[in-house]
Amino acid sequence: MDSGKTSRHIDSNTALYGLVGRPLAHTLGPRMHNAAFAAVGLNALYLAFETRDIAGAVTGARALNLQGLSVTLPYKTSVMEFLDQVDEMARKIGAVNTIARRGDLLVGFNTDAYGALKALETCLDPGALRGMPCLIVGAGGAARALGFTLARNQAALAVSNRSRERGERLAKELDCPFLAEQEAWEFGADLLVNATPVGMHPLADTCPVPDHVLRKGLVVMDLVYNPRDTLLLQKARARGCRTVSGLDMFIFQGAEQFRLWTGLEPPLEVMKTAVLEAIKP
């Protein structure tokens, strides 16, 4: 269990929030959310709970009156059946990364889609996604959210994934082609997104994309955010690509979580600073 660094007073009135998933050794959620709570003066605490039992984790959250949860790998899809309600967008995406207490109910939301779009807007002009050939590498919860976002913005999507069955399932849901690895590298994408954990600490010396795919002008987005500057992003920049860090998506989706939990405007700069201070370069 990790709470991040906090010296605030904790008492019986402290509102509890948390993160469930595994592994969580390198999560930055506690740093980011606890900094945000402190900045706005909330008596609240965010903890990381590594678990192999998502049903038990949700039951525990109910019993202990947790006010909200973040959900990460591998539970973004499986958690949905244990919730009282699921927001319409999260249901369409087929993944929940945020749970908020609404009275006695636990309601699921997806803020990954919002975070992905806000992150892309740091690099692309409004409307640029329309008709843009986009390749998503991966088929997990984050890939689902990103694919939904790109499809809503009328991008020309394709999906590739090591597990063909999972990849084909996501491609069918997004109404786009599934491409085997070699086909994917020949697709000619203008936006390439790594939605796999390849390149994440402690395996930061790995890269999910062959060098020859990284041509000048390509936009490369890596959803891995620890390390901040992944090997993929380093190689992409060296070859003249424009890059979008997974850190931006992480912070934007976290800010939307904060808004859903508290009803307050998130202290975005505080959250960003907390993450940057904690993250490996």
C-alpha atoms as a PDB file:
ATOM      1  CA  MET A   1       0.000   0.000   0.000  1.00  0.00           C
ATOM      2  CA  ASP A   2       1.370   3.401  -0.990  1.00  0.00           C
ATOM      3  CA  SER A   3       0.045   6.799   0.021  1.00  0.00           C
ATOM      4  CA  GLY A   4       2.668   8.970  -1.611  1.00  0.00           C
ATOM      5  CA  LYS A   5       4.351  11.607   0.525  1.00  0.00           C
ATOM      6  CA  THR A   6       1.945  13.375   2.861  1.00  0.00           C
ATOM      7  CA  SER A   7       2.312  14.993   6.280  1.00  0.00           C
ATOM      8  CA  ARG A   8      -1.326  16.042   6.595  1.00  0.00           C
ATOM      9  CA  HIS A   9      -3.414  15.186   9.645  1.00  0.00           C
ATOM     10  CA  ILE A  10      -5.549  12.078   9.164  1.00  0.00           C
ATOM     11  CA  ASP A  11      -8.590  11.482  11.364  1.00  0.00           C
ATOM     12  CA  SER A  12     -11.969   9.768  11.393  1.00  0.00           C
ATOM     13  CA  ASN A  13     -13.358  12.406   9.024  1.00  0.00           C
ATOM     14  CA  THR A  14     -10.716  11.851   6.342  1.00  0.00           C
ATOM     15  CA  ALA A  15     -12.320  10.894   3.019  1.00  0.00           C
ATOM     16  CA  LEU A  16     -10.580   7.853   1.548  1.00  0.00           C
ATOM     17  CA  TYR A  17      -9.835   7.300  -2.133  1.00  0.00           C
ATOM     18  CA  GLY A  18      -7.661   4.695  -3.770  1.00  0.00           C
ATOM     19  CA  LEU A  19      -6.212   2.874  -6.737  1.00  0.00           C
ATOM     20  CA  VAL A  20      -6.766  -0.832  -7.434  1.00  0.00           C
ATOM     21  CA  GLY A  21      -4.793  -2.964  -9.866  1.00  0.00           C
ATOM     22  CA  ARG A  22      -1.515  -4.832 -10.188  1.00  0.00           C
ATOM     23  CA  PRO A  23       1.367  -4.257 -10.335  1.00  0.00           C
ATOM     24  CA  LEU A  24       1.417  -0.832  -8.672  1.00  0.00           C
ATOM     25  CA  ALA A  25       5.064  -0.455  -7.659  1.00  0.00           C
ATOM     26  CA  HIS A  26       5.629   2.524  -9.966  1.00  0.00           C
ATOM     27  CA  THR A  27       2.258   4.245  -9.744  1.00  0.00           C
ATOM     28  CA  LEU A  28       2.217   8.027  -9.472  1.00  0.00           C
ATOM     29  CA  GLY A  29      -1.467   8.309  -8.580  1.00  0.00           C
ATOM     30  CA  PRO A  30      -0.960   8.809  -4.823  1.00  0.00           C
ATOM     31  CA  ARG A  31       1.543  11.616  -5.383  1.00  0.00           C
ATOM     32  CA  MET A  32      -0.718  13.396  -7.835  1.00  0.00           C
ATOM     33  CA  HIS A  33      -4.033  13.089  -6.019  1.00  0.00           C
ATOM     34  CA  ASN A  34      -2.717  13.729  -2.509  1.00  0.00           C
ATOM     35  CA  ALA A  35      -1.011  16.888  -3.764  1.00  0.00           C
ATOM     36  CA  ALA A  36      -4.319  17.968  -5.314  1.00  0.00           C
ATOM     37  CA  PHE A  37      -6.299  17.301  -2.124  1.00  0.00           C
ATOM     38  CA  ALA A  38      -3.784  19.293  -0.079  1.00  0.00           C
ATOM     39  CA  ALA A  39      -3.789  22.187  -2.556  1.00  0.00           C
ATOM     40  CA  VAL A  40      -7.544  22.725  -2.240  1.00  0.00           C
ATOM     41  CA  GLY A  41      -7.662  22.033   1.504  1.00  0.00           C
ATOM     42  CA  LEU A  42      -9.618  18.770   1.410  1.00  0.00           C
ATOM     43  CA  ASN A  43      -9.372  16.342   4.319  1.00  0.00           C
ATOM     44  CA  ALA A  44      -8.827  13.403   1.980  1.00  0.00           C
ATOM     45  CA  LEU A  45      -6.278  10.664   1.366  1.00  0.00           C
ATOM     46  CA  TYR A  46      -5.525   8.560  -1.722  1.00  0.00           C
ATOM     47  CA  LEU A  47      -3.913   5.121  -1.297  1.00  0.00           C
ATOM     48  CA  ALA A  48      -2.699   2.422  -3.687  1.00  0.00           C
ATOM     49  CA  PHE A  49      -4.067  -1.098  -3.116  1.00  0.00           C
ATOM     50  CA  GLU A  50      -2.429  -3.867  -5.139  1.00  0.00           C
ATOM     51  CA  THR A  51      -4.896  -6.729  -5.439  1.00  0.00           C
ATOM     52  CA  ARG A  52      -5.559  -9.987  -7.235  1.00  0.00           C
ATOM     53  CA  ASP A  53      -9.251  -9.909  -6.259  1.00  0.00           C
ATOM     54  CA  ILE A  54     -11.168  -7.091  -7.938  1.00  0.00           C
ATOM     55  CA  ALA A  55     -14.539  -8.317  -6.636  1.00  0.00           C
ATOM     56  CA  GLY A  56     -13.185  -8.301  -3.088  1.00  0.00           C
ATOM     57  CA  ALA A  57     -11.621  -4.880  -3.617  1.00  0.00           C
ATOM     58  CA  VAL A  58     -14.950  -3.358  -4.643  1.00  0.00           C
ATOM     59  CA  THR A  59     -16.698  -5.049  -1.716  1.00  0.00           C
ATOM     60  CA  GLY A  60     -14.034  -3.648   0.601  1.00  0.00           C
ATOM     61  CA  ALA A  61     -14.457  -0.168  -0.854  1.00  0.00           C
ATOM     62  CA  ARG A  62     -18.184  -0.342  -0.093  1.00  0.00           C
ATOM     63  CA  ALA A  63     -17.639  -1.577   3.448  1.00  0.00           C
ATOM     64  CA  LEU A  64     -14.975   1.029   4.250  1.00  0.00           C
ATOM     65  CA  ASN A  65     -16.951   3.883   2.668  1.00  0.00           C
ATOM     66  CA  LEU A  66     -14.279   4.833   0.141  1.00  0.00           C
ATOM     67  CA  GLN A  67     -15.439   7.857  -1.824  1.00  0.00           C
ATOM     68  CA  GLY A  68     -13.737   6.952  -5.065  1.00  0.00           C
ATOM     69  CA  LEU A  69     -11.338   4.597  -6.799  1.00  0.00           C
ATOM     70  CA  SER A  70      -9.030   4.642  -9.763  1.00  0.00           C
ATOM     71  CA  VAL A  71      -8.925   1.330 -11.637  1.00  0.00           C
ATOM     72  CA  THR A  72      -5.909   0.216 -13.640  1.00  0.00           C
ATOM     73  CA  LEU A  73      -4.570  -2.942 -15.284  1.00  0.00           C
ATOM     74  CA  PRO A  74      -5.809  -5.617 -15.425  1.00  0.00           C
ATOM     75  CA  TYR A  75      -9.291  -4.698 -14.126  1.00  0.00           C
ATOM     76  CA  LYS A  76     -10.679  -1.880 -16.279  1.00  0.00           C
ATOM     77  CA  THR A  77     -13.125  -4.212 -18.003  1.00  0.00           C
ATOM     78  CA  SER A  78     -13.779  -6.859 -15.349  1.00  0.00           C
ATOM     79  CA  VAL A  79     -14.611  -4.293 -12.636  1.00  0.00           C
ATOM     80  CA  MET A  80     -17.769  -3.213 -14.461  1.00  0.00           C
ATOM     81  CA  GLU A  81     -19.883  -6.175 -13.332  1.00  0.00           C
ATOM     82  CA  PHE A  82     -19.357  -5.294  -9.658  1.00  0.00           C
ATOM     83  CA  LEU A  83     -20.635  -1.700  -9.911  1.00  0.00           C
ATOM     84  CA  ASP A  84     -24.159  -0.390  -9.351  1.00  0.00           C
ATOM     85  CA  GLN A  85     -24.124   1.849 -12.412  1.00  0.00           C
ATOM     86  CA  VAL A  86     -21.804   2.559 -15.340  1.00  0.00           C
ATOM     87  CA  ASP A  87     -21.743   5.893 -17.140  1.00  0.00           C
ATOM     88  CA  GLU A  88     -22.953   5.757 -20.750  1.00  0.00           C
ATOM     89  CA  MET A  89     -19.579   6.679 -22.257  1.00  0.00           C
ATOM     90  CA  ALA A  90     -17.728   4.118 -20.130  1.00  0.00           C
ATOM     91  CA  ARG A  91     -20.238   1.471 -21.189  1.00  0.00           C
ATOM     92  CA  LYS A  92     -19.712   2.322 -24.864  1.00  0.00           C
ATOM     93  CA  ILE A  93     -15.953   2.156 -24.394  1.00  0.00           C
ATOM     94  CA  GLY A  94     -16.265  -1.083 -22.451  1.00  0.00           C
ATOM     95  CA  ALA A  95     -13.836  -0.016 -19.734  1.00  0.00           C
ATOM     96  CA  VAL A  96     -13.963   1.805 -16.394  1.00  0.00           C
ATOM     97  CA  ASN A  97     -10.940   3.540 -14.894  1.00  0.00           C
ATOM     98  CA  THR A  98     -12.786   5.651 -12.304  1.00  0.00           C
ATOM     99  CA  ILE A  99     -15.345   4.799  -9.631  1.00  0.00           C
ATOM    100  CA  ALA A 100     -17.209   7.534  -7.772  1.00  0.00           C
ATOM    101  CA  ARG A 101     -19.573   7.129  -4.834  1.00  0.00           C
ATOM    102  CA  ARG A 102     -22.980   8.654  -5.453  1.00  0.00           C
ATOM    103  CA  GLY A 103     -24.910   8.206  -2.212  1.00  0.00           C
ATOM    104  CA  ASP A 104     -24.943   4.458  -1.588  1.00  0.00           C
ATOM    105  CA  LEU A 105     -24.073   3.635  -5.195  1.00  0.00           C
ATOM    106  CA  LEU A 106     -20.702   2.998  -6.813  1.00  0.00           C
ATOM    107  CA  VAL A 107     -20.736   4.424 -10.332  1.00  0.00           C
ATOM    108  CA  GLY A 108     -18.152   3.697 -13.028  1.00  0.00           C
ATOM    109  CA  PHE A 109     -16.717   6.305 -15.404  1.00  0.00           C
ATOM    110  CA  ASN A 110     -13.953   6.455 -17.994  1.00  0.00           C
ATOM    111  CA  THR A 111     -11.637   9.466 -17.884  1.00  0.00           C
ATOM    112  CA  ASP A 112      -8.990   7.891 -20.130  1.00  0.00           C
ATOM    113  CA  ALA A 113     -10.906   9.031 -23.219  1.00  0.00           C
ATOM    114  CA  TYR A 114     -10.962  12.629 -21.996  1.00  0.00           C
ATOM    115  CA  GLY A 115      -7.293  12.473 -21.044  1.00  0.00           C
ATOM    116  CA  ALA A 116      -6.279  11.042 -24.411  1.00  0.00           C
ATOM    117  CA  LEU A 117      -8.056  13.753 -26.374  1.00  0.00           C
ATOM    118  CA  LYS A 118      -6.660  16.558 -24.215  1.00  0.00           C
ATOM    119  CA  ALA A 119      -3.158  15.125 -24.613  1.00  0.00           C
ATOM    120  CA  LEU A 120      -3.502  14.893 -28.400  1.00  0.00           C
ATOM    121  CA  GLU A 121      -4.701  18.492 -28.486  1.00  0.00           C
ATOM    122  CA  THR A 122      -1.260  19.548 -27.216  1.00  0.00           C
ATOM    123  CA  CYS A 123       0.172  18.370 -30.547  1.00  0.00           C
ATOM    124  CA  LEU A 124      -2.643  18.416 -33.118  1.00  0.00           C
ATOM    125  CA  ASP A 125      -4.927  21.175 -34.352  1.00  0.00           C
ATOM    126  CA  PRO A 126      -8.700  20.858 -33.763  1.00  0.00           C
ATOM    127  CA  GLY A 127     -10.229  18.685 -36.467  1.00  0.00           C
ATOM    128  CA  ALA A 128      -6.878  17.180 -37.485  1.00  0.00           C
ATOM    129  CA  LEU A 129      -7.969  13.662 -36.529  1.00  0.00           C
ATOM    130  CA  ARG A 130     -10.726  13.567 -39.154  1.00  0.00           C
ATOM    131  CA  GLY A 131      -9.624  11.055 -41.792  1.00  0.00           C
ATOM    132  CA  MET A 132      -6.144  10.673 -40.263  1.00  0.00           C
ATOM    133  CA  PRO A 133      -4.731   7.120 -40.541  1.00  0.00           C
ATOM    134  CA  CYS A 134      -4.201   6.050 -36.917  1.00  0.00           C
ATOM    135  CA  LEU A 135      -2.657   2.816 -35.641  1.00  0.00           C
ATOM    136  CA  ILE A 136      -3.275   1.671 -32.063  1.00  0.00           C
ATOM    137  CA  VAL A 137      -0.826  -0.940 -30.792  1.00  0.00           C
ATOM    138  CA  GLY A 138      -2.518  -2.740 -27.904  1.00  0.00           C
ATOM    139  CA  ALA A 139      -6.024  -3.868 -26.993  1.00  0.00           C
ATOM    140  CA  GLY A 140      -6.442  -3.234 -23.255  1.00  0.00           C
ATOM    141  CA  GLY A 141      -8.595  -0.721 -21.408  1.00  0.00           C
ATOM    142  CA  ALA A 142      -6.520   2.316 -22.387  1.00  0.00           C
ATOM    143  CA  ALA A 143      -6.521   1.203 -26.032  1.00  0.00           C
ATOM    144  CA  ARG A 144     -10.304   0.913 -25.891  1.00  0.00           C
ATOM    145  CA  ALA A 145     -10.689   4.435 -24.536  1.00  0.00           C
ATOM    146  CA  LEU A 146      -8.288   5.858 -27.077  1.00  0.00           C
ATOM    147  CA  GLY A 147      -9.919   3.973 -29.940  1.00  0.00           C
ATOM    148  CA  PHE A 148     -13.340   5.260 -28.908  1.00  0.00           C
ATOM    149  CA  THR A 149     -11.978   8.817 -28.815  1.00  0.00           C
ATOM    150  CA  LEU A 150     -10.331   8.528 -32.228  1.00  0.00           C
ATOM    151  CA  ALA A 151     -13.423   6.914 -33.751  1.00  0.00           C
ATOM    152  CA  ARG A 152     -15.649   9.711 -32.409  1.00  0.00           C
ATOM    153  CA  ASN A 153     -13.299  12.166 -34.099  1.00  0.00           C
ATOM    154  CA  GLN A 154     -13.591  10.246 -37.394  1.00  0.00           C
ATOM    155  CA  ALA A 155     -10.011   9.011 -37.623  1.00  0.00           C
ATOM    156  CA  ALA A 156      -9.181   6.157 -40.027  1.00  0.00           C
ATOM    157  CA  LEU A 157      -8.371   3.539 -37.398  1.00  0.00           C
ATOM    158  CA  ALA A 158      -6.521   0.240 -37.358  1.00  0.00           C
ATOM    159  CA  VAL A 159      -5.613  -1.980 -34.395  1.00  0.00           C
ATOM    160  CA  SER A 160      -2.650  -4.293 -33.891  1.00  0.00           C
ATOM    161  CA  ASN A 161      -2.029  -6.498 -30.870  1.00  0.00           C
ATOM    162  CA  ARG A 162       0.210  -9.397 -29.905  1.00  0.00           C
ATOM    163  CA  SER A 163      -2.839 -11.440 -28.911  1.00  0.00           C
ATOM    164  CA  ARG A 164      -4.757 -11.710 -32.165  1.00  0.00           C
ATOM    165  CA  GLU A 165      -8.009 -12.706 -30.452  1.00  0.00           C
ATOM    166  CA  ARG A 166      -8.098  -9.627 -28.203  1.00  0.00           C
ATOM    167  CA  GLY A 167      -6.991  -7.368 -31.027  1.00  0.00           C
ATOM    168  CA  GLU A 168      -9.637  -8.640 -33.419  1.00  0.00           C
ATOM    169  CA  ARG A 169     -12.304  -8.241 -30.745  1.00  0.00           C
ATOM    170  CA  LEU A 170     -11.384  -4.589 -30.188  1.00  0.00           C
ATOM    171  CA  ALA A 171     -11.139  -3.920 -33.922  1.00  0.00           C
ATOM    172  CA  LYS A 172     -14.630  -5.346 -34.396  1.00  0.00           C
ATOM    173  CA  GLU A 173     -16.008  -3.125 -31.632  1.00  0.00           C
ATOM    174  CA  LEU A 174     -14.357  -0.074 -33.214  1.00  0.00           C
ATOM    175  CA  ASP A 175     -15.468  -1.138 -36.719  1.00  0.00           C
ATOM    176  CA  CYS A 176     -11.917  -0.963 -38.041  1.00  0.00           C
ATOM    177  CA  PRO A 177      -9.368  -3.440 -39.433  1.00  0.00           C
ATOM    178  CA  PHE A 178      -7.121  -5.612 -37.311  1.00  0.00           C
ATOM    179  CA  LEU A 179      -3.561  -5.779 -38.613  1.00  0.00           C
ATOM    180  CA  ALA A 180      -0.994  -8.448 -37.837  1.00  0.00           C
ATOM    181  CA  GLU A 181       2.406  -7.088 -36.840  1.00  0.00           C
ATOM    182  CA  GLN A 182       4.010  -6.848 -40.283  1.00  0.00           C
ATOM    183  CA  GLU A 183       0.823  -5.404 -41.799  1.00  0.00           C
ATOM    184  CA  ALA A 184       0.688  -2.826 -39.019  1.00  0.00           C
ATOM    185  CA  TRP A 185       4.195  -1.557 -39.727  1.00  0.00           C
ATOM    186  CA  GLU A 186       3.247  -1.153 -43.400  1.00  0.00           C
ATOM    187  CA  PHE A 187      -0.066   0.605 -42.658  1.00  0.00           C
ATOM    188  CA  GLY A 188       1.281   4.110 -43.228  1.00  0.00           C
ATOM    189  CA  ALA A 189      -0.197   5.681 -40.098  1.00  0.00           C
ATOM    190  CA  ASP A 190       0.062   9.410 -39.487  1.00  0.00           C
ATOM    191  CA  LEU A 191      -0.639   8.814 -35.774  1.00  0.00           C
ATOM    192  CA  LEU A 192       0.837   5.799 -33.996  1.00  0.00           C
ATOM    193  CA  VAL A 193      -0.119   5.039 -30.397  1.00  0.00           C
ATOM    194  CA  ASN A 194       1.591   2.583 -28.080  1.00  0.00           C
ATOM    195  CA  ALA A 195      -1.144   1.378 -25.728  1.00  0.00           C
ATOM    196  CA  THR A 196       0.910  -1.538 -24.379  1.00  0.00           C
ATOM    197  CA  PRO A 197       3.106  -1.591 -21.244  1.00  0.00           C
ATOM    198  CA  VAL A 198       6.244  -2.161 -23.349  1.00  0.00           C
ATOM    199  CA  GLY A 199       8.844   0.430 -22.331  1.00  0.00           C
ATOM    200  CA  MET A 200       7.537   0.941 -18.786  1.00  0.00           C
ATOM    201  CA  HIS A 201       9.814   0.744 -15.746  1.00  0.00           C
ATOM    202  CA  PRO A 202      11.485  -1.589 -14.919  1.00  0.00           C
ATOM    203  CA  LEU A 203      11.801  -2.577 -18.610  1.00  0.00           C
ATOM    204  CA  ALA A 204      12.512   0.936 -19.841  1.00  0.00           C
ATOM    205  CA  ASP A 205      15.096  -0.251 -22.366  1.00  0.00           C
ATOM    206  CA  THR A 206      12.443  -1.898 -24.553  1.00  0.00           C
ATOM    207  CA  CYS A 207      10.621  -0.378 -27.530  1.00  0.00           C
ATOM    208  CA  PRO A 208       7.358  -1.678 -29.049  1.00  0.00           C
ATOM    209  CA  VAL A 209       7.903  -0.233 -32.544  1.00  0.00           C
ATOM    210  CA  PRO A 210      10.670  -0.996 -35.086  1.00  0.00           C
ATOM    211  CA  ASP A 211      12.934   1.913 -35.962  1.00  0.00           C
ATOM    212  CA  HIS A 212      12.027   1.911 -39.661  1.00  0.00           C
ATOM    213  CA  VAL A 213       8.374   2.721 -38.881  1.00  0.00           C
ATOM    214  CA  LEU A 214       9.335   6.023 -37.229  1.00  0.00           C
ATOM    215  CA  ARG A 215       9.381   8.305 -40.256  1.00  0.00           C
ATOM    216  CA  LYS A 216       9.637  12.081 -40.224  1.00  0.00           C
ATOM    217  CA  GLY A 217       6.293  13.822 -39.618  1.00  0.00           C
ATOM    218  CA  LEU A 218       4.649  10.851 -37.894  1.00  0.00           C
ATOM    219  CA  VAL A 219       2.878  11.691 -34.620  1.00  0.00           C
ATOM    220  CA  VAL A 220       3.851   9.162 -31.950  1.00  0.00           C
ATOM    221  CA  MET A 221       1.911   8.897 -28.693  1.00  0.00           C
ATOM    222  CA  ASP A 222       3.149   6.596 -25.932  1.00  0.00           C
ATOM    223  CA  LEU A 223       0.671   5.876 -23.141  1.00  0.00           C
ATOM    224  CA  VAL A 224       3.539   4.685 -20.931  1.00  0.00           C
ATOM    225  CA  TYR A 225       4.314   7.561 -18.570  1.00  0.00           C
ATOM    226  CA  ASN A 226       7.047   6.130 -16.340  1.00  0.00           C
ATOM    227  CA  PRO A 227       9.699   6.856 -17.509  1.00  0.00           C
ATOM    228  CA  ARG A 228       8.450  10.193 -18.796  1.00  0.00           C
ATOM    229  CA  ASP A 229      10.707  10.040 -21.857  1.00  0.00           C
ATOM    230  CA  THR A 230      10.342   6.461 -23.054  1.00  0.00           C
ATOM    231  CA  LEU A 231      12.738   4.835 -25.483  1.00  0.00           C
ATOM    232  CA  LEU A 232       9.983   4.995 -28.116  1.00  0.00           C
ATOM    233  CA  LEU A 233       9.610   8.756 -27.697  1.00  0.00           C
ATOM    234  CA  GLN A 234      13.383   9.252 -27.774  1.00  0.00           C
ATOM    235  CA  LYS A 235      13.729   7.281 -31.002  1.00  0.00           C
ATOM    236  CA  ALA A 236      10.715   9.013 -32.533  1.00  0.00           C
ATOM    237  CA  ARG A 237      12.093  12.498 -31.873  1.00  0.00           C
ATOM    238  CA  ALA A 238      15.499  11.516 -33.237  1.00  0.00           C
ATOM    239  CA  ARG A 239      13.806  10.561 -36.512  1.00  0.00           C
ATOM    240  CA  GLY A 240      11.805  13.756 -36.845  1.00  0.00           C
ATOM    241  CA  CYS A 241       8.485  12.569 -35.417  1.00  0.00           C
ATOM    242  CA  ARG A 242       6.205  14.713 -33.283  1.00  0.00           C
ATOM    243  CA  THR A 243       5.612  13.137 -29.894  1.00  0.00           C
ATOM    244  CA  VAL A 244       2.892  13.070 -27.236  1.00  0.00           C
ATOM    245  CA  SER A 245       3.824  11.833 -23.771  1.00  0.00           C
ATOM    246  CA  GLY A 246       1.634   9.451 -21.827  1.00  0.00           C
ATOM    247  CA  LEU A 247       2.295  11.736 -18.887  1.00  0.00           C
ATOM    248  CA  ASP A 248      -0.030  14.342 -20.395  1.00  0.00           C
ATOM    249  CA  MET A 249      -2.840  11.815 -20.730  1.00  0.00           C
ATOM    250  CA  PHE A 250      -2.205  10.565 -17.183  1.00  0.00           C
ATOM    251  CA  ILE A 251      -2.433  14.057 -15.696  1.00  0.00           C
ATOM    252  CA  PHE A 252      -5.495  15.091 -17.727  1.00  0.00           C
ATOM    253  CA  GLN A 253      -7.394  11.887 -16.892  1.00  0.00           C
ATOM    254  CA  GLY A 254      -6.430  12.312 -13.228  1.00  0.00           C
ATOM    255  CA  ALA A 255      -7.716  15.872 -13.245  1.00  0.00           C
ATOM    256  CA  GLU A 256     -11.058  14.637 -14.578  1.00  0.00           C
ATOM    257  CA  GLN A 257     -11.142  11.987 -11.835  1.00  0.00           C
ATOM    258  CA  PHE A 258     -10.612  14.717  -9.241  1.00  0.00           C
ATOM    259  CA  ARG A 259     -13.517  16.685 -10.729  1.00  0.00           C
ATOM    260  CA  LEU A 260     -15.824  13.647 -10.650  1.00  0.00           C
ATOM    261  CA  TRP A 261     -14.925  12.817  -7.046  1.00  0.00           C
ATOM    262  CA  THR A 262     -15.003  16.281  -5.516  1.00  0.00           C
ATOM    263  CA  GLY A 263     -17.029  18.516  -7.825  1.00  0.00           C
ATOM    264  CA  LEU A 264     -14.145  20.986  -7.656  1.00  0.00           C
ATOM    265  CA  GLU A 265     -11.916  22.403 -10.366  1.00  0.00           C
ATOM    266  CA  PRO A 266      -8.693  20.365 -10.308  1.00  0.00           C
ATOM    267  CA  PRO A 267      -5.421  22.175  -9.490  1.00  0.00           C
ATOM    268  CA  LEU A 268      -3.815  21.047 -12.744  1.00  0.00           C
ATOM    269  CA  GLU A 269      -0.424  22.700 -12.281  1.00  0.00           C
ATOM    270  CA  VAL A 270      -0.089  21.293  -8.757  1.00  0.00           C
ATOM    271  CA  MET A 271      -0.891  17.809 -10.044  1.00  0.00           C
ATOM    272  CA  LYS A 272       1.604  18.144 -12.887  1.00  0.00           C
ATOM    273  CA  THR A 273       4.354  19.386 -10.578  1.00  0.00           C
ATOM    274  CA  ALA A 274       3.790  16.532  -8.128  1.00  0.00           C
ATOM    275  CA  VAL A 275       4.112  13.971 -10.908  1.00  0.00           C
ATOM    276  CA  LEU A 276       7.190  15.572 -12.460  1.00  0.00           C
ATOM    277  CA  GLU A 277       8.949  15.704  -9.101  1.00  0.00           C
ATOM    278  CA  ALA A 278       8.329  11.997  -8.536  1.00  0.00           C
ATOM    279  CA  ILE A 279       8.907  10.550 -11.974  1.00  0.00           C
ATOM    280  CA  LYS A 280      12.105   9.117 -13.346  1.00  0.00           C
ATOM    281  CA  PRO A 281      13.553  11.116 -16.269  1.00  0.00           C
END
